[in-house]
N, C-alpha and C. Protein backbone atom coordinates (compact mmCIF):
# COMPACT_ATOMS: atom_id res chain seq x y z
N MET A 1 -28.42 -35.17 5.26
CA MET A 1 -27.55 -34.07 5.66
C MET A 1 -27.91 -32.88 4.66
N ARG A 2 -27.96 -31.73 5.28
CA ARG A 2 -28.31 -30.53 4.60
C ARG A 2 -26.87 -29.77 4.29
N VAL A 3 -26.68 -29.40 3.03
CA VAL A 3 -25.38 -28.86 2.63
C VAL A 3 -25.56 -27.52 2.07
N SER A 4 -24.66 -26.57 2.36
CA SER A 4 -24.56 -25.27 1.73
C SER A 4 -23.27 -25.18 1.00
N LEU A 5 -23.26 -24.62 -0.21
CA LEU A 5 -22.08 -24.49 -1.04
C LEU A 5 -21.73 -23.01 -1.16
N PHE A 6 -20.43 -22.71 -0.91
CA PHE A 6 -19.89 -21.32 -0.98
C PHE A 6 -18.74 -21.38 -1.93
N ILE A 7 -18.91 -20.69 -3.13
CA ILE A 7 -17.79 -20.66 -4.10
C ILE A 7 -17.26 -19.26 -4.11
N ASP A 8 -15.86 -19.18 -3.83
CA ASP A 8 -15.08 -18.02 -3.94
C ASP A 8 -14.74 -17.83 -5.43
N GLY A 9 -15.51 -17.07 -6.20
CA GLY A 9 -15.41 -17.02 -7.66
C GLY A 9 -14.02 -16.67 -8.14
N ALA A 10 -13.35 -15.70 -7.51
CA ALA A 10 -12.07 -15.28 -8.02
C ALA A 10 -11.01 -16.38 -7.73
N ASN A 11 -11.01 -16.96 -6.56
CA ASN A 11 -10.12 -18.08 -6.28
C ASN A 11 -10.37 -19.22 -7.18
N PHE A 12 -11.62 -19.57 -7.41
CA PHE A 12 -12.06 -20.57 -8.30
C PHE A 12 -11.52 -20.46 -9.72
N PHE A 13 -11.73 -19.22 -10.20
CA PHE A 13 -11.37 -18.86 -11.62
C PHE A 13 -9.81 -19.04 -11.75
N TYR A 14 -9.02 -18.45 -10.80
CA TYR A 14 -7.54 -18.48 -10.93
C TYR A 14 -7.03 -19.93 -10.69
N MET A 15 -7.70 -20.72 -9.87
CA MET A 15 -7.32 -22.04 -9.63
C MET A 15 -7.36 -22.81 -10.92
N GLN A 16 -8.50 -22.61 -11.68
CA GLN A 16 -8.65 -23.38 -13.00
C GLN A 16 -7.66 -22.82 -13.99
N LYS A 17 -7.58 -21.50 -14.15
CA LYS A 17 -6.67 -20.91 -15.15
C LYS A 17 -5.22 -21.16 -14.96
N ASP A 18 -4.74 -21.05 -13.74
CA ASP A 18 -3.31 -20.99 -13.51
C ASP A 18 -2.80 -22.35 -12.93
N SER A 19 -3.62 -23.06 -12.27
CA SER A 19 -3.05 -24.29 -11.60
C SER A 19 -3.61 -25.58 -12.29
N LEU A 20 -4.90 -25.75 -12.33
CA LEU A 20 -5.44 -26.92 -13.01
C LEU A 20 -5.26 -26.94 -14.49
N CYS A 21 -5.35 -25.85 -15.11
CA CYS A 21 -5.27 -25.73 -16.66
C CYS A 21 -6.31 -26.49 -17.30
N TRP A 22 -7.53 -26.64 -16.63
CA TRP A 22 -8.68 -27.12 -17.23
C TRP A 22 -9.87 -26.41 -16.47
N TRP A 23 -11.07 -26.54 -17.14
CA TRP A 23 -12.19 -25.76 -16.56
C TRP A 23 -13.22 -26.73 -15.88
N ALA A 24 -13.71 -26.35 -14.71
CA ALA A 24 -14.66 -27.12 -14.04
C ALA A 24 -16.09 -26.53 -14.41
N ASP A 25 -17.08 -27.47 -14.47
CA ASP A 25 -18.42 -27.01 -14.77
C ASP A 25 -19.14 -26.75 -13.47
N PRO A 26 -19.66 -25.54 -13.26
CA PRO A 26 -20.37 -25.22 -12.01
C PRO A 26 -21.55 -26.11 -11.75
N LYS A 27 -22.24 -26.60 -12.81
CA LYS A 27 -23.43 -27.51 -12.71
C LYS A 27 -22.85 -28.87 -12.24
N LYS A 28 -21.82 -29.33 -12.75
CA LYS A 28 -21.18 -30.63 -12.26
C LYS A 28 -20.73 -30.43 -10.90
N ILE A 29 -20.30 -29.34 -10.45
CA ILE A 29 -19.95 -29.14 -9.05
C ILE A 29 -21.12 -29.29 -8.16
N LEU A 30 -22.26 -28.69 -8.54
CA LEU A 30 -23.46 -28.86 -7.83
C LEU A 30 -23.87 -30.38 -7.76
N ASP A 31 -23.74 -31.04 -8.85
CA ASP A 31 -24.08 -32.42 -8.90
C ASP A 31 -23.17 -33.30 -7.94
N PHE A 32 -21.86 -32.96 -7.91
CA PHE A 32 -20.82 -33.61 -7.07
C PHE A 32 -21.26 -33.30 -5.63
N VAL A 33 -21.47 -32.04 -5.23
CA VAL A 33 -21.82 -31.71 -3.85
C VAL A 33 -23.10 -32.36 -3.44
N SER A 34 -23.98 -32.56 -4.33
CA SER A 34 -25.26 -33.20 -3.94
C SER A 34 -25.10 -34.65 -3.53
N THR A 35 -23.94 -35.25 -3.87
CA THR A 35 -23.70 -36.60 -3.35
C THR A 35 -23.32 -36.55 -1.86
N LYS A 36 -23.09 -35.38 -1.35
CA LYS A 36 -22.70 -35.28 0.11
C LYS A 36 -23.97 -35.05 0.91
N GLY A 37 -25.12 -34.62 0.33
CA GLY A 37 -26.33 -34.38 1.01
C GLY A 37 -27.19 -33.47 0.18
N ASP A 38 -28.30 -33.05 0.77
CA ASP A 38 -29.33 -32.15 0.06
C ASP A 38 -28.79 -30.73 0.06
N ILE A 39 -28.55 -30.14 -1.06
CA ILE A 39 -28.09 -28.77 -1.07
C ILE A 39 -29.26 -27.85 -0.82
N VAL A 40 -29.05 -27.08 0.29
CA VAL A 40 -30.06 -26.09 0.61
C VAL A 40 -29.81 -24.67 0.13
N ASP A 41 -28.49 -24.42 -0.13
CA ASP A 41 -28.12 -23.11 -0.74
C ASP A 41 -26.80 -23.35 -1.43
N ALA A 42 -26.58 -22.53 -2.54
CA ALA A 42 -25.41 -22.55 -3.35
C ALA A 42 -25.08 -21.11 -3.64
N PHE A 43 -24.01 -20.63 -3.02
CA PHE A 43 -23.70 -19.15 -3.17
C PHE A 43 -22.46 -19.10 -4.13
N TYR A 44 -22.44 -18.16 -4.99
CA TYR A 44 -21.29 -17.87 -5.87
C TYR A 44 -20.93 -16.49 -5.75
N TYR A 45 -19.73 -16.15 -5.33
CA TYR A 45 -19.26 -14.81 -4.94
C TYR A 45 -18.28 -14.31 -6.04
N ILE A 46 -18.62 -13.15 -6.61
CA ILE A 46 -17.81 -12.71 -7.82
C ILE A 46 -17.72 -11.28 -7.84
N GLY A 47 -16.63 -10.71 -8.33
CA GLY A 47 -16.46 -9.36 -8.69
C GLY A 47 -16.85 -9.04 -10.02
N VAL A 48 -17.64 -7.99 -10.19
CA VAL A 48 -18.16 -7.65 -11.52
C VAL A 48 -17.70 -6.41 -12.13
N GLU A 49 -17.55 -6.26 -13.35
CA GLU A 49 -17.21 -4.95 -13.94
C GLU A 49 -18.41 -4.13 -13.91
N ALA A 50 -18.22 -2.78 -13.99
CA ALA A 50 -19.23 -1.83 -14.05
C ALA A 50 -19.21 -1.04 -15.33
N PRO A 51 -20.13 -1.31 -16.22
CA PRO A 51 -21.17 -2.34 -16.28
C PRO A 51 -20.50 -3.68 -16.59
N PRO A 52 -21.18 -4.76 -16.32
CA PRO A 52 -20.63 -6.12 -16.66
C PRO A 52 -20.53 -6.23 -18.17
N ALA A 53 -19.49 -6.88 -18.58
CA ALA A 53 -19.34 -7.30 -19.95
C ALA A 53 -20.35 -8.33 -20.34
N ALA A 54 -20.76 -8.41 -21.53
CA ALA A 54 -21.81 -9.32 -21.98
C ALA A 54 -21.50 -10.77 -21.64
N ARG A 55 -20.26 -11.17 -21.76
CA ARG A 55 -19.79 -12.53 -21.50
C ARG A 55 -20.01 -12.89 -20.00
N GLN A 56 -19.57 -11.82 -19.14
CA GLN A 56 -19.76 -12.12 -17.71
C GLN A 56 -21.24 -12.11 -17.39
N GLU A 57 -22.02 -11.26 -17.96
CA GLU A 57 -23.51 -11.14 -17.69
C GLU A 57 -24.07 -12.51 -18.15
N ASN A 58 -23.73 -13.15 -19.13
CA ASN A 58 -24.24 -14.41 -19.58
C ASN A 58 -23.81 -15.55 -18.69
N TYR A 59 -22.60 -15.41 -18.15
CA TYR A 59 -22.11 -16.41 -17.16
C TYR A 59 -22.96 -16.40 -15.87
N LEU A 60 -23.22 -15.14 -15.38
CA LEU A 60 -23.96 -14.94 -14.20
C LEU A 60 -25.42 -15.42 -14.39
N LYS A 61 -25.99 -15.14 -15.46
CA LYS A 61 -27.33 -15.71 -15.76
C LYS A 61 -27.42 -17.25 -15.84
N ALA A 62 -26.33 -17.79 -16.37
CA ALA A 62 -26.33 -19.24 -16.45
C ALA A 62 -26.17 -19.84 -15.01
N LEU A 63 -25.34 -19.17 -14.18
CA LEU A 63 -25.19 -19.69 -12.81
C LEU A 63 -26.46 -19.62 -12.09
N THR A 64 -27.21 -18.46 -12.32
CA THR A 64 -28.52 -18.35 -11.64
C THR A 64 -29.47 -19.40 -12.06
N ASN A 65 -29.52 -19.70 -13.38
CA ASN A 65 -30.32 -20.80 -13.89
C ASN A 65 -29.99 -22.15 -13.38
N MET A 66 -28.69 -22.30 -12.98
CA MET A 66 -28.29 -23.55 -12.32
C MET A 66 -28.69 -23.74 -10.89
N GLY A 67 -29.10 -22.56 -10.30
CA GLY A 67 -29.48 -22.59 -8.91
C GLY A 67 -28.64 -21.80 -7.95
N TYR A 68 -27.58 -21.20 -8.46
CA TYR A 68 -26.72 -20.44 -7.56
C TYR A 68 -27.43 -19.04 -7.16
N VAL A 69 -27.11 -18.61 -5.95
CA VAL A 69 -27.36 -17.26 -5.61
C VAL A 69 -26.08 -16.44 -5.85
N ILE A 70 -26.24 -15.41 -6.65
CA ILE A 70 -25.03 -14.60 -6.99
C ILE A 70 -24.85 -13.49 -5.97
N VAL A 71 -23.73 -13.43 -5.38
CA VAL A 71 -23.33 -12.33 -4.52
C VAL A 71 -22.20 -11.58 -5.18
N ASP A 72 -22.43 -10.38 -5.55
CA ASP A 72 -21.39 -9.72 -6.38
C ASP A 72 -20.98 -8.42 -5.78
N LYS A 73 -19.85 -7.89 -6.18
CA LYS A 73 -19.38 -6.62 -5.81
C LYS A 73 -18.61 -6.07 -7.00
N THR A 74 -18.79 -4.73 -7.17
CA THR A 74 -18.07 -4.03 -8.24
C THR A 74 -16.57 -4.15 -8.09
N LEU A 75 -15.86 -4.44 -9.14
CA LEU A 75 -14.44 -4.57 -9.13
C LEU A 75 -13.89 -3.10 -8.89
N LYS A 76 -12.90 -3.02 -8.07
CA LYS A 76 -12.13 -1.73 -7.82
C LYS A 76 -10.89 -1.78 -8.67
N GLN A 77 -10.55 -0.58 -9.13
CA GLN A 77 -9.30 -0.38 -9.88
C GLN A 77 -8.23 0.01 -8.91
N ILE A 78 -7.14 -0.71 -8.79
CA ILE A 78 -6.08 -0.46 -7.88
C ILE A 78 -4.79 -0.20 -8.73
N LEU A 79 -4.28 1.06 -8.56
CA LEU A 79 -3.04 1.38 -9.36
C LEU A 79 -1.83 0.76 -8.63
N GLN A 80 -1.04 -0.02 -9.41
CA GLN A 80 0.01 -0.66 -8.89
C GLN A 80 1.33 0.29 -8.95
N ASN A 81 2.33 0.01 -8.23
CA ASN A 81 3.67 0.84 -8.17
C ASN A 81 4.16 0.93 -9.58
N ASP A 82 4.03 -0.08 -10.42
CA ASP A 82 4.62 -0.06 -11.74
C ASP A 82 3.75 0.70 -12.76
N GLY A 83 2.69 1.22 -12.32
CA GLY A 83 1.78 2.05 -13.15
C GLY A 83 0.62 1.22 -13.80
N SER A 84 0.65 -0.13 -13.67
CA SER A 84 -0.37 -0.96 -14.12
C SER A 84 -1.61 -0.92 -13.19
N VAL A 85 -2.71 -1.32 -13.68
CA VAL A 85 -3.92 -1.31 -12.93
C VAL A 85 -4.37 -2.72 -12.69
N LYS A 86 -4.70 -3.03 -11.36
CA LYS A 86 -5.25 -4.37 -11.01
C LYS A 86 -6.68 -4.21 -10.60
N GLN A 87 -7.48 -5.19 -11.04
CA GLN A 87 -8.92 -5.09 -10.56
C GLN A 87 -9.04 -6.11 -9.39
N LYS A 88 -9.82 -5.71 -8.46
CA LYS A 88 -10.06 -6.54 -7.26
C LYS A 88 -11.32 -6.17 -6.58
N ALA A 89 -12.03 -7.35 -6.11
CA ALA A 89 -13.21 -7.20 -5.34
C ALA A 89 -13.12 -8.31 -4.28
N ASN A 90 -12.74 -7.92 -3.06
CA ASN A 90 -12.59 -8.95 -2.01
C ASN A 90 -13.94 -9.21 -1.41
N LEU A 91 -14.37 -10.46 -1.52
CA LEU A 91 -15.71 -10.92 -1.08
C LEU A 91 -15.59 -11.90 0.13
N ASP A 92 -14.34 -12.00 0.69
CA ASP A 92 -14.12 -12.94 1.84
C ASP A 92 -15.11 -12.70 3.01
N ILE A 93 -15.36 -11.40 3.33
CA ILE A 93 -16.22 -11.11 4.44
C ILE A 93 -17.62 -11.46 4.19
N GLU A 94 -18.01 -11.27 2.94
CA GLU A 94 -19.43 -11.76 2.50
C GLU A 94 -19.64 -13.21 2.65
N ILE A 95 -18.61 -14.03 2.25
CA ILE A 95 -18.71 -15.49 2.36
C ILE A 95 -18.83 -15.85 3.84
N VAL A 96 -18.00 -15.22 4.71
CA VAL A 96 -18.11 -15.68 6.17
C VAL A 96 -19.42 -15.16 6.76
N LEU A 97 -19.85 -14.03 6.37
CA LEU A 97 -21.10 -13.59 6.93
C LEU A 97 -22.20 -14.52 6.52
N ASP A 98 -22.24 -14.93 5.30
CA ASP A 98 -23.24 -15.87 4.82
C ASP A 98 -23.16 -17.18 5.45
N MET A 99 -21.88 -17.69 5.66
CA MET A 99 -21.72 -18.96 6.35
C MET A 99 -22.37 -18.95 7.76
N PHE A 100 -22.22 -17.81 8.41
CA PHE A 100 -22.72 -17.71 9.79
C PHE A 100 -24.21 -17.26 9.84
N ASN A 101 -24.66 -16.50 9.02
CA ASN A 101 -26.02 -15.96 8.97
C ASN A 101 -26.99 -17.03 8.51
N THR A 102 -26.46 -18.11 7.81
CA THR A 102 -27.30 -19.25 7.34
C THR A 102 -26.99 -20.55 8.08
N ILE A 103 -26.27 -20.45 9.14
CA ILE A 103 -25.70 -21.66 9.87
C ILE A 103 -26.81 -22.60 10.33
N GLU A 104 -27.90 -22.12 10.59
CA GLU A 104 -29.09 -23.02 11.06
C GLU A 104 -29.69 -23.74 9.85
N HIS A 105 -29.32 -23.40 8.70
CA HIS A 105 -29.98 -24.02 7.45
C HIS A 105 -29.25 -25.25 7.07
N TYR A 106 -27.93 -25.48 7.51
CA TYR A 106 -27.13 -26.53 6.98
C TYR A 106 -26.42 -27.30 8.01
N ASP A 107 -26.03 -28.48 7.72
CA ASP A 107 -25.26 -29.36 8.58
C ASP A 107 -23.76 -29.35 8.13
N MET A 108 -23.51 -29.15 6.78
CA MET A 108 -22.21 -29.15 6.21
C MET A 108 -22.05 -27.94 5.21
N ALA A 109 -20.94 -27.25 5.49
CA ALA A 109 -20.60 -26.11 4.51
C ALA A 109 -19.48 -26.71 3.59
N VAL A 110 -19.75 -26.48 2.34
CA VAL A 110 -18.74 -26.87 1.37
C VAL A 110 -18.06 -25.52 0.83
N LEU A 111 -16.73 -25.31 0.98
CA LEU A 111 -16.16 -24.21 0.57
C LEU A 111 -15.24 -24.37 -0.65
N VAL A 112 -15.44 -23.76 -1.73
CA VAL A 112 -14.56 -23.89 -2.90
C VAL A 112 -13.67 -22.61 -2.87
N SER A 113 -12.46 -22.82 -2.34
CA SER A 113 -11.54 -21.77 -2.18
C SER A 113 -10.21 -22.36 -1.58
N GLY A 114 -9.11 -21.68 -1.88
CA GLY A 114 -7.84 -22.08 -1.22
C GLY A 114 -7.30 -20.99 -0.37
N ASP A 115 -8.09 -19.92 -0.09
CA ASP A 115 -7.67 -18.73 0.60
C ASP A 115 -7.52 -19.01 2.05
N GLY A 116 -6.34 -18.78 2.57
CA GLY A 116 -6.02 -18.98 4.07
C GLY A 116 -6.83 -18.17 4.97
N ASP A 117 -7.43 -17.13 4.43
CA ASP A 117 -8.29 -16.32 5.37
C ASP A 117 -9.48 -17.02 5.87
N PHE A 118 -9.74 -18.19 5.33
CA PHE A 118 -11.02 -18.96 5.82
C PHE A 118 -10.58 -19.98 6.86
N GLU A 119 -9.39 -19.95 7.28
CA GLU A 119 -8.92 -20.94 8.40
C GLU A 119 -9.79 -20.72 9.66
N ARG A 120 -9.85 -19.51 10.12
CA ARG A 120 -10.51 -19.16 11.36
C ARG A 120 -12.02 -19.46 11.27
N PRO A 121 -12.63 -19.00 10.22
CA PRO A 121 -14.13 -19.30 10.11
C PRO A 121 -14.37 -20.76 10.12
N LEU A 122 -13.55 -21.58 9.48
CA LEU A 122 -13.75 -23.03 9.55
C LEU A 122 -13.52 -23.60 10.91
N GLU A 123 -12.61 -23.11 11.66
CA GLU A 123 -12.37 -23.49 12.98
C GLU A 123 -13.56 -23.22 13.86
N LEU A 124 -14.25 -21.99 13.71
CA LEU A 124 -15.36 -21.67 14.35
C LEU A 124 -16.56 -22.51 13.93
N LEU A 125 -16.74 -22.87 12.67
CA LEU A 125 -17.84 -23.72 12.25
C LEU A 125 -17.67 -25.07 13.03
N ARG A 126 -16.47 -25.61 13.03
CA ARG A 126 -16.19 -26.86 13.79
C ARG A 126 -16.62 -26.78 15.22
N ALA A 127 -16.19 -25.65 15.87
CA ALA A 127 -16.53 -25.42 17.23
C ALA A 127 -18.09 -25.31 17.51
N ARG A 128 -18.81 -24.95 16.47
CA ARG A 128 -20.28 -24.82 16.57
C ARG A 128 -20.92 -26.16 16.15
N GLY A 129 -20.10 -27.22 15.96
CA GLY A 129 -20.65 -28.55 15.58
C GLY A 129 -21.02 -28.74 14.17
N LYS A 130 -20.56 -27.93 13.28
CA LYS A 130 -20.85 -28.06 11.92
C LYS A 130 -19.70 -28.75 11.13
N ARG A 131 -20.07 -29.52 10.08
CA ARG A 131 -19.16 -30.21 9.27
C ARG A 131 -18.79 -29.17 8.22
N PHE A 132 -17.59 -29.43 7.57
CA PHE A 132 -17.29 -28.70 6.38
C PHE A 132 -16.39 -29.54 5.45
N LEU A 133 -16.41 -29.04 4.18
CA LEU A 133 -15.57 -29.64 3.19
C LEU A 133 -14.86 -28.54 2.37
N VAL A 134 -13.53 -28.66 2.16
CA VAL A 134 -12.85 -27.68 1.38
C VAL A 134 -12.48 -28.31 0.09
N MET A 135 -12.81 -27.56 -0.99
CA MET A 135 -12.44 -28.08 -2.42
C MET A 135 -11.56 -27.01 -3.06
N SER A 136 -10.35 -27.49 -3.42
CA SER A 136 -9.33 -26.67 -4.04
C SER A 136 -8.33 -27.49 -4.68
N THR A 137 -7.07 -27.11 -4.81
CA THR A 137 -6.09 -27.93 -5.47
C THR A 137 -4.68 -27.43 -5.07
N GLN A 138 -3.65 -28.36 -5.11
CA GLN A 138 -2.34 -28.01 -4.83
C GLN A 138 -1.79 -26.82 -5.56
N GLY A 139 -1.01 -25.97 -4.90
CA GLY A 139 -0.50 -24.80 -5.60
C GLY A 139 -1.38 -23.55 -5.38
N VAL A 140 -2.63 -23.87 -4.95
CA VAL A 140 -3.56 -22.74 -4.67
C VAL A 140 -4.00 -22.70 -3.22
N ILE A 141 -4.18 -23.98 -2.58
CA ILE A 141 -4.69 -24.04 -1.28
C ILE A 141 -3.55 -23.59 -0.29
N ALA A 142 -3.97 -22.55 0.58
CA ALA A 142 -2.99 -22.19 1.59
C ALA A 142 -2.76 -23.28 2.61
N HIS A 143 -1.58 -23.32 3.11
CA HIS A 143 -1.10 -24.25 4.11
C HIS A 143 -2.10 -24.21 5.30
N GLU A 144 -2.46 -23.16 5.76
CA GLU A 144 -3.32 -22.96 7.00
C GLU A 144 -4.69 -23.63 6.68
N LEU A 145 -5.29 -23.41 5.53
CA LEU A 145 -6.54 -23.92 5.13
C LEU A 145 -6.47 -25.43 4.96
N ARG A 146 -5.43 -25.90 4.32
CA ARG A 146 -5.29 -27.34 4.20
C ARG A 146 -5.12 -28.04 5.54
N THR A 147 -4.39 -27.36 6.41
CA THR A 147 -4.21 -27.97 7.72
C THR A 147 -5.48 -28.02 8.56
N VAL A 148 -6.27 -26.97 8.47
CA VAL A 148 -7.57 -27.02 9.25
C VAL A 148 -8.56 -27.97 8.61
N ALA A 149 -8.49 -28.23 7.28
CA ALA A 149 -9.46 -29.08 6.66
C ALA A 149 -9.13 -30.57 6.90
N GLY A 150 -7.94 -30.94 7.12
CA GLY A 150 -7.51 -32.32 7.38
C GLY A 150 -8.11 -33.24 6.32
N MET A 151 -8.83 -34.25 6.87
CA MET A 151 -9.53 -35.25 5.95
C MET A 151 -10.72 -34.73 5.20
N HIS A 152 -11.08 -33.47 5.56
CA HIS A 152 -12.27 -32.79 4.90
C HIS A 152 -11.79 -31.92 3.81
N TYR A 153 -10.94 -32.46 2.88
CA TYR A 153 -10.45 -31.75 1.84
C TYR A 153 -10.56 -32.61 0.53
N ILE A 154 -10.92 -32.00 -0.53
CA ILE A 154 -11.00 -32.71 -1.80
C ILE A 154 -10.16 -31.88 -2.83
N ASP A 155 -9.23 -32.51 -3.43
CA ASP A 155 -8.42 -31.87 -4.54
C ASP A 155 -9.24 -32.03 -5.83
N PHE A 156 -9.45 -30.86 -6.50
CA PHE A 156 -10.09 -30.98 -7.85
C PHE A 156 -9.53 -31.95 -8.77
N ARG A 157 -8.17 -32.09 -8.67
CA ARG A 157 -7.55 -33.09 -9.59
C ARG A 157 -8.07 -34.52 -9.42
N GLU A 158 -8.46 -34.82 -8.16
CA GLU A 158 -8.96 -36.18 -7.86
C GLU A 158 -10.39 -36.45 -8.38
N ILE A 159 -11.13 -35.26 -8.67
CA ILE A 159 -12.49 -35.43 -9.09
C ILE A 159 -12.69 -34.90 -10.52
N ARG A 160 -11.58 -34.74 -11.27
CA ARG A 160 -11.65 -34.09 -12.61
C ARG A 160 -12.68 -34.84 -13.53
N ASP A 161 -12.69 -36.16 -13.55
CA ASP A 161 -13.67 -36.80 -14.29
C ASP A 161 -15.12 -36.55 -14.03
N GLN A 162 -15.39 -36.06 -12.79
CA GLN A 162 -16.77 -35.78 -12.43
C GLN A 162 -17.10 -34.36 -12.58
N VAL A 163 -16.21 -33.45 -12.65
CA VAL A 163 -16.57 -32.04 -12.69
C VAL A 163 -15.97 -31.21 -13.84
N GLU A 164 -15.17 -31.86 -14.69
CA GLU A 164 -14.57 -31.05 -15.78
C GLU A 164 -15.67 -30.69 -16.82
N LYS A 165 -15.54 -29.49 -17.30
CA LYS A 165 -16.41 -29.00 -18.31
C LYS A 165 -16.21 -29.70 -19.66
N ASP A 166 -17.33 -30.05 -20.27
CA ASP A 166 -17.26 -30.82 -21.60
C ASP A 166 -16.76 -29.99 -22.65
């Protein structure tokens, strides 16, 4: 089985920081996903500062050395009503475009995200005869995404011993 991995970097970061309260190792995630089949592509989608901070640049280089294709977008500054500034770079459309532009390369798509916006794309993958697996955790995964995933869902808490960063 040929597998493509799609990691929603922002969702992945906040899932670890706010819900899991432990860090997953992107290399160990590759190793875990490789138990599902041969990885043909691994995409990591991330918003980047302009210019990137040294720490973020090092992280991106490490991901590249692990085998990830980095898809980035410059973070936008959004002024909130309370006067604070929020940084955001929505990469959902890039993830969906890559899922469908590379659809002939894989038999199974593995999505690391809990974003409900991926409900319809996963339904369409299923209609096209593709398998998928969603990896997320409780408190982060949207009800719609959890519902469409059904048995094709893995909670990071269940695989902590296999993917936690040392």
